[in-house]
């Protein structure tokens, strides 16, 4: 039980960080619950931050986080990145972010196939 509570707390911290990193991050309540229920609980908070860093800040990702990303699924990955990339202060570079997101996905699938 403590592990679940700890993991939930960490995921809340990641969501708070995302909101701080992207102040305009806002989704409809039903969409946010769906994203939470189906996506954010499938990946470690550190990897979630690393994925955002790769797409929006040109950082790198570990093979372990690639495996988490592939396990999370493309729909979850695409949905999260698209929500962030569509925000007013990022939308001018949305095409670039979506390409980086696709490149990251391709890279991680390749990593997962060799693991």
C-alpha atoms as a PDB file:
ATOM      1  CA  UNK A   1       0.000   0.000   0.000  1.00  0.00           C
ATOM      2  CA  UNK A   2       2.845   2.405   0.821  1.00  0.00           C
ATOM      3  CA  UNK A   3       4.365   1.785  -2.631  1.00  0.00           C
ATOM      4  CA  UNK A   4       1.098   2.766  -4.356  1.00  0.00           C
ATOM      5  CA  UNK A   5       0.751   5.887  -2.224  1.00  0.00           C
ATOM      6  CA  UNK A   6       4.373   6.809  -2.890  1.00  0.00           C
ATOM      7  CA  UNK A   7       3.977   6.247  -6.640  1.00  0.00           C
ATOM      8  CA  UNK A   8       0.781   8.329  -6.691  1.00  0.00           C
ATOM      9  CA  UNK A   9       2.560  11.150  -4.854  1.00  0.00           C
ATOM     10  CA  UNK A  10       5.434  11.053  -7.346  1.00  0.00           C
ATOM     11  CA  UNK A  11       3.036  11.145 -10.298  1.00  0.00           C
ATOM     12  CA  UNK A  12       1.312  14.177  -8.767  1.00  0.00           C
ATOM     13  CA  UNK A  13       4.723  15.845  -8.553  1.00  0.00           C
ATOM     14  CA  UNK A  14       5.369  15.086 -12.238  1.00  0.00           C
ATOM     15  CA  UNK A  15       2.001  16.553 -13.212  1.00  0.00           C
ATOM     16  CA  UNK A  16       2.765  19.648 -11.117  1.00  0.00           C
ATOM     17  CA  UNK A  17       6.150  19.934 -12.830  1.00  0.00           C
ATOM     18  CA  UNK A  18       4.537  19.677 -16.244  1.00  0.00           C
ATOM     19  CA  UNK A  19       2.137  22.454 -15.296  1.00  0.00           C
ATOM     20  CA  UNK A  20       5.051  24.588 -14.062  1.00  0.00           C
ATOM     21  CA  UNK A  21       7.185  23.772 -17.113  1.00  0.00           C
ATOM     22  CA  UNK A  22       4.322  24.559 -19.454  1.00  0.00           C
ATOM     23  CA  UNK A  23       2.190  27.136 -17.602  1.00  0.00           C
ATOM     24  CA  UNK A  24      -0.554  27.024 -20.223  1.00  0.00           C
ATOM     25  CA  UNK A  25      -0.876  23.229 -19.907  1.00  0.00           C
ATOM     26  CA  UNK A  26      -4.576  22.712 -19.501  1.00  0.00           C
ATOM     27  CA  UNK A  27      -6.865  19.954 -20.637  1.00  0.00           C
ATOM     28  CA  UNK A  28     -10.546  19.378 -20.220  1.00  0.00           C
ATOM     29  CA  UNK A  29     -11.338  17.594 -16.960  1.00  0.00           C
ATOM     30  CA  UNK A  30     -12.572  14.419 -18.656  1.00  0.00           C
ATOM     31  CA  UNK A  31      -9.535  14.350 -20.951  1.00  0.00           C
ATOM     32  CA  UNK A  32      -7.185  14.954 -18.026  1.00  0.00           C
ATOM     33  CA  UNK A  33      -8.733  12.047 -16.087  1.00  0.00           C
ATOM     34  CA  UNK A  34      -8.455   9.789 -19.118  1.00  0.00           C
ATOM     35  CA  UNK A  35      -4.818  10.804 -19.655  1.00  0.00           C
ATOM     36  CA  UNK A  36      -4.119  10.183 -15.963  1.00  0.00           C
ATOM     37  CA  UNK A  37      -5.904   6.819 -15.857  1.00  0.00           C
ATOM     38  CA  UNK A  38      -4.498   5.417 -19.057  1.00  0.00           C
ATOM     39  CA  UNK A  39      -1.098   7.021 -19.472  1.00  0.00           C
ATOM     40  CA  UNK A  40       0.651   8.793 -16.648  1.00  0.00           C
ATOM     41  CA  UNK A  41       0.454   5.870 -14.254  1.00  0.00           C
ATOM     42  CA  UNK A  42       2.219   3.611 -16.770  1.00  0.00           C
ATOM     43  CA  UNK A  43       5.535   5.439 -16.745  1.00  0.00           C
ATOM     44  CA  UNK A  44       7.983   6.519 -14.067  1.00  0.00           C
ATOM     45  CA  UNK A  45       8.000  10.213 -13.173  1.00  0.00           C
ATOM     46  CA  UNK A  46      11.697  10.516 -14.041  1.00  0.00           C
ATOM     47  CA  UNK A  47      11.101   9.041 -17.479  1.00  0.00           C
ATOM     48  CA  UNK A  48       8.092  11.301 -18.049  1.00  0.00           C
ATOM     49  CA  UNK A  49      10.306  14.310 -17.367  1.00  0.00           C
ATOM     50  CA  UNK A  50      13.079  12.893 -19.561  1.00  0.00           C
ATOM     51  CA  UNK A  51      10.641  12.401 -22.454  1.00  0.00           C
ATOM     52  CA  UNK A  52       9.421  15.982 -22.152  1.00  0.00           C
ATOM     53  CA  UNK A  53      13.051  17.118 -21.975  1.00  0.00           C
ATOM     54  CA  UNK A  54      13.940  15.267 -25.177  1.00  0.00           C
ATOM     55  CA  UNK A  55      11.066  16.780 -27.137  1.00  0.00           C
ATOM     56  CA  UNK A  56      11.031  20.314 -25.748  1.00  0.00           C
ATOM     57  CA  UNK A  57      14.613  20.892 -24.528  1.00  0.00           C
ATOM     58  CA  UNK A  58      16.918  18.720 -26.702  1.00  0.00           C
ATOM     59  CA  UNK A  59      17.940  16.479 -23.801  1.00  0.00           C
ATOM     60  CA  UNK A  60      18.748  12.768 -24.073  1.00  0.00           C
ATOM     61  CA  UNK A  61      16.915   9.656 -22.903  1.00  0.00           C
ATOM     62  CA  UNK A  62      18.154   6.421 -21.381  1.00  0.00           C
ATOM     63  CA  UNK A  63      17.391   3.014 -22.828  1.00  0.00           C
ATOM     64  CA  UNK A  64      15.414   2.201 -19.665  1.00  0.00           C
ATOM     65  CA  UNK A  65      13.152   5.201 -20.241  1.00  0.00           C
ATOM     66  CA  UNK A  66      12.760   4.189 -23.883  1.00  0.00           C
ATOM     67  CA  UNK A  67      11.475   0.827 -22.716  1.00  0.00           C
ATOM     68  CA  UNK A  68       9.009   2.606 -20.386  1.00  0.00           C
ATOM     69  CA  UNK A  69       7.880   4.848 -23.242  1.00  0.00           C
ATOM     70  CA  UNK A  70       7.203   1.922 -25.567  1.00  0.00           C
ATOM     71  CA  UNK A  71       5.341   0.138 -22.782  1.00  0.00           C
ATOM     72  CA  UNK A  72       3.264   3.302 -22.208  1.00  0.00           C
ATOM     73  CA  UNK A  73       2.189   3.187 -25.852  1.00  0.00           C
ATOM     74  CA  UNK A  74       2.221   5.517 -28.828  1.00  0.00           C
ATOM     75  CA  UNK A  75      -1.281   6.864 -28.218  1.00  0.00           C
ATOM     76  CA  UNK A  76      -0.373   8.034 -24.717  1.00  0.00           C
ATOM     77  CA  UNK A  77       2.928   9.502 -25.877  1.00  0.00           C
ATOM     78  CA  UNK A  78       1.363  11.336 -28.816  1.00  0.00           C
ATOM     79  CA  UNK A  79      -1.533  12.642 -26.714  1.00  0.00           C
ATOM     80  CA  UNK A  80       0.670  14.102 -23.998  1.00  0.00           C
ATOM     81  CA  UNK A  81       3.130  15.713 -26.409  1.00  0.00           C
ATOM     82  CA  UNK A  82       0.328  17.124 -28.582  1.00  0.00           C
ATOM     83  CA  UNK A  83      -1.412  18.676 -25.554  1.00  0.00           C
ATOM     84  CA  UNK A  84       1.794  20.412 -24.552  1.00  0.00           C
ATOM     85  CA  UNK A  85       2.842  21.423 -28.092  1.00  0.00           C
ATOM     86  CA  UNK A  86      -0.532  23.054 -28.825  1.00  0.00           C
ATOM     87  CA  UNK A  87      -0.159  25.632 -26.046  1.00  0.00           C
ATOM     88  CA  UNK A  88      -0.040  29.235 -27.271  1.00  0.00           C
ATOM     89  CA  UNK A  89       3.598  29.905 -26.365  1.00  0.00           C
ATOM     90  CA  UNK A  90       4.730  26.649 -28.039  1.00  0.00           C
ATOM     91  CA  UNK A  91       2.394  26.388 -31.015  1.00  0.00           C
ATOM     92  CA  UNK A  92       4.776  28.269 -33.328  1.00  0.00           C
ATOM     93  CA  UNK A  93       7.132  25.289 -33.062  1.00  0.00           C
ATOM     94  CA  UNK A  94       4.480  22.565 -32.849  1.00  0.00           C
ATOM     95  CA  UNK A  95       5.588  20.899 -36.093  1.00  0.00           C
ATOM     96  CA  UNK A  96       9.172  20.701 -34.818  1.00  0.00           C
ATOM     97  CA  UNK A  97       8.053  19.229 -31.472  1.00  0.00           C
ATOM     98  CA  UNK A  98       5.808  16.663 -33.137  1.00  0.00           C
ATOM     99  CA  UNK A  99       8.673  15.587 -35.420  1.00  0.00           C
ATOM    100  CA  UNK A 100      10.999  15.264 -32.429  1.00  0.00           C
ATOM    101  CA  UNK A 101       8.292  13.258 -30.678  1.00  0.00           C
ATOM    102  CA  UNK A 102       8.011  10.900 -33.684  1.00  0.00           C
ATOM    103  CA  UNK A 103      11.804  10.607 -33.888  1.00  0.00           C
ATOM    104  CA  UNK A 104      11.945   9.773 -30.181  1.00  0.00           C
ATOM    105  CA  UNK A 105       9.252   7.121 -30.612  1.00  0.00           C
ATOM    106  CA  UNK A 106      11.128   5.533 -33.538  1.00  0.00           C
ATOM    107  CA  UNK A 107      14.358   5.541 -31.547  1.00  0.00           C
ATOM    108  CA  UNK A 108      12.705   3.967 -28.514  1.00  0.00           C
ATOM    109  CA  UNK A 109      10.992   1.262 -30.538  1.00  0.00           C
ATOM    110  CA  UNK A 110      14.390   0.413 -32.020  1.00  0.00           C
ATOM    111  CA  UNK A 111      15.898   0.251 -28.517  1.00  0.00           C
ATOM    112  CA  UNK A 112      13.061  -1.963 -27.294  1.00  0.00           C
ATOM    113  CA  UNK A 113      13.579  -4.405 -30.174  1.00  0.00           C
ATOM    114  CA  UNK A 114      17.244  -4.897 -29.282  1.00  0.00           C
ATOM    115  CA  UNK A 115      16.653  -5.179 -25.532  1.00  0.00           C
END
